[in-house]
Amino acid sequence: MNYPIPANPQEVVALRQNPVSEELIAAAIAGVVQVARSSGQSLDELMAEVLADDALLDRKQRQWLSEIVAAAWEKLP
């Protein structure tokens, strides 16, 4: 992967400076999982955040993203 996994929220936000690619999205998801774990957040708490209603993603997209985040949670060390 060309992008390191972000270790804190600032590094996740800094990814916005790069062109969007599959690798960038994977790094962002891995970073969100890592940051959530390091702050003591549970998978259920993270899922609640991902599934929270917002203006960016519709319900179906949030559900799809939550499944990807849950899979990343299970796969990442």
C-alpha atoms as a PDB file:
ATOM      1  CA  MET A   1       0.000   0.000   0.000  1.00  0.00           C
ATOM      2  CA  ASN A   2       1.329   3.453  -0.869  1.00  0.00           C
ATOM      3  CA  TYR A   3      -0.301   5.139   2.132  1.00  0.00           C
ATOM      4  CA  PRO A   4       0.609   4.418   5.756  1.00  0.00           C
ATOM      5  CA  ILE A   5      -2.268   3.596   8.067  1.00  0.00           C
ATOM      6  CA  PRO A   6      -3.143   6.793   9.916  1.00  0.00           C
ATOM      7  CA  ALA A   7      -2.425   6.627  13.648  1.00  0.00           C
ATOM      8  CA  ASN A   8      -4.545   9.584  14.775  1.00  0.00           C
ATOM      9  CA  PRO A   9      -7.515  11.664  13.611  1.00  0.00           C
ATOM     10  CA  GLN A  10      -5.260  14.381  12.182  1.00  0.00           C
ATOM     11  CA  GLU A  11      -3.535  11.865   9.909  1.00  0.00           C
ATOM     12  CA  VAL A  12      -6.920  10.559   8.736  1.00  0.00           C
ATOM     13  CA  VAL A  13      -7.996  14.108   7.862  1.00  0.00           C
ATOM     14  CA  ALA A  14      -4.641  14.751   6.135  1.00  0.00           C
ATOM     15  CA  LEU A  15      -5.473  11.994   3.644  1.00  0.00           C
ATOM     16  CA  ARG A  16      -7.851  14.484   2.019  1.00  0.00           C
ATOM     17  CA  GLN A  17      -4.812  16.104   0.410  1.00  0.00           C
ATOM     18  CA  ASN A  18      -4.350  13.069  -1.857  1.00  0.00           C
ATOM     19  CA  PRO A  19      -6.265  12.062  -4.982  1.00  0.00           C
ATOM     20  CA  VAL A  20      -8.979   9.521  -4.225  1.00  0.00           C
ATOM     21  CA  SER A  21      -8.017   5.949  -5.005  1.00  0.00           C
ATOM     22  CA  GLU A  22      -8.843   2.483  -3.735  1.00  0.00           C
ATOM     23  CA  GLU A  23      -5.618   2.463  -1.711  1.00  0.00           C
ATOM     24  CA  LEU A  24      -6.413   5.818  -0.132  1.00  0.00           C
ATOM     25  CA  ILE A  25      -9.881   4.647   0.874  1.00  0.00           C
ATOM     26  CA  ALA A  26      -8.445   1.422   2.328  1.00  0.00           C
ATOM     27  CA  ALA A  27      -5.889   3.427   4.327  1.00  0.00           C
ATOM     28  CA  ALA A  28      -8.607   5.757   5.603  1.00  0.00           C
ATOM     29  CA  ILE A  29     -10.821   2.859   6.721  1.00  0.00           C
ATOM     30  CA  ALA A  30      -7.873   1.124   8.407  1.00  0.00           C
ATOM     31  CA  GLY A  31      -6.980   4.408  10.100  1.00  0.00           C
ATOM     32  CA  VAL A  32     -10.491   4.939  11.390  1.00  0.00           C
ATOM     33  CA  VAL A  33     -10.485   1.419  12.839  1.00  0.00           C
ATOM     34  CA  GLN A  34      -7.066   1.946  14.427  1.00  0.00           C
ATOM     35  CA  VAL A  35      -8.007   5.320  15.907  1.00  0.00           C
ATOM     36  CA  ALA A  36     -11.276   3.921  17.275  1.00  0.00           C
ATOM     37  CA  ARG A  37      -9.503   1.008  18.922  1.00  0.00           C
ATOM     38  CA  SER A  38      -6.755   3.191  20.397  1.00  0.00           C
ATOM     39  CA  SER A  39      -9.367   5.483  21.937  1.00  0.00           C
ATOM     40  CA  GLY A  40     -11.125   2.503  23.547  1.00  0.00           C
ATOM     41  CA  GLN A  41     -14.117   2.562  21.248  1.00  0.00           C
ATOM     42  CA  SER A  42     -15.967  -0.704  20.633  1.00  0.00           C
ATOM     43  CA  LEU A  43     -16.998  -2.002  17.234  1.00  0.00           C
ATOM     44  CA  ASP A  44     -20.630  -1.333  18.165  1.00  0.00           C
ATOM     45  CA  GLU A  45     -19.841   2.300  18.981  1.00  0.00           C
ATOM     46  CA  LEU A  46     -17.966   2.731  15.711  1.00  0.00           C
ATOM     47  CA  MET A  47     -20.814   1.135  13.782  1.00  0.00           C
ATOM     48  CA  ALA A  48     -23.269   3.554  15.398  1.00  0.00           C
ATOM     49  CA  GLU A  49     -21.140   6.442  14.115  1.00  0.00           C
ATOM     50  CA  VAL A  50     -20.885   5.005  10.618  1.00  0.00           C
ATOM     51  CA  LEU A  51     -24.624   4.339  10.468  1.00  0.00           C
ATOM     52  CA  ALA A  52     -25.591   7.755  11.856  1.00  0.00           C
ATOM     53  CA  ASP A  53     -27.667   9.773   9.421  1.00  0.00           C
ATOM     54  CA  ASP A  54     -25.709  12.406   7.515  1.00  0.00           C
ATOM     55  CA  ALA A  55     -25.945  14.434   4.345  1.00  0.00           C
ATOM     56  CA  LEU A  56     -22.984  12.713   2.677  1.00  0.00           C
ATOM     57  CA  LEU A  57     -24.177   9.106   2.304  1.00  0.00           C
ATOM     58  CA  ASP A  58     -27.633   7.649   1.946  1.00  0.00           C
ATOM     59  CA  ARG A  59     -28.855   4.815   4.177  1.00  0.00           C
ATOM     60  CA  LYS A  60     -27.833   2.054   1.775  1.00  0.00           C
ATOM     61  CA  GLN A  61     -24.335   3.499   1.339  1.00  0.00           C
ATOM     62  CA  ARG A  62     -23.890   3.834   5.124  1.00  0.00           C
ATOM     63  CA  GLN A  63     -24.927   0.201   5.570  1.00  0.00           C
ATOM     64  CA  TRP A  64     -22.459  -0.921   2.903  1.00  0.00           C
ATOM     65  CA  LEU A  65     -19.687   1.139   4.509  1.00  0.00           C
ATOM     66  CA  SER A  66     -20.494  -0.270   7.952  1.00  0.00           C
ATOM     67  CA  GLU A  67     -20.031  -3.802   6.601  1.00  0.00           C
ATOM     68  CA  ILE A  68     -16.624  -2.868   5.196  1.00  0.00           C
ATOM     69  CA  VAL A  69     -15.580  -1.218   8.472  1.00  0.00           C
ATOM     70  CA  ALA A  70     -16.718  -4.273  10.455  1.00  0.00           C
ATOM     71  CA  ALA A  71     -14.709  -6.564   8.155  1.00  0.00           C
ATOM     72  CA  ALA A  72     -11.653  -4.331   8.555  1.00  0.00           C
ATOM     73  CA  TRP A  73     -12.111  -4.426  12.339  1.00  0.00           C
ATOM     74  CA  GLU A  74     -12.040  -8.231  12.260  1.00  0.00           C
ATOM     75  CA  LYS A  75      -9.097  -8.526   9.846  1.00  0.00           C
ATOM     76  CA  LEU A  76      -6.723  -5.856  11.152  1.00  0.00           C
ATOM     77  CA  PRO A  77      -4.343  -6.789  13.974  1.00  0.00           C
END
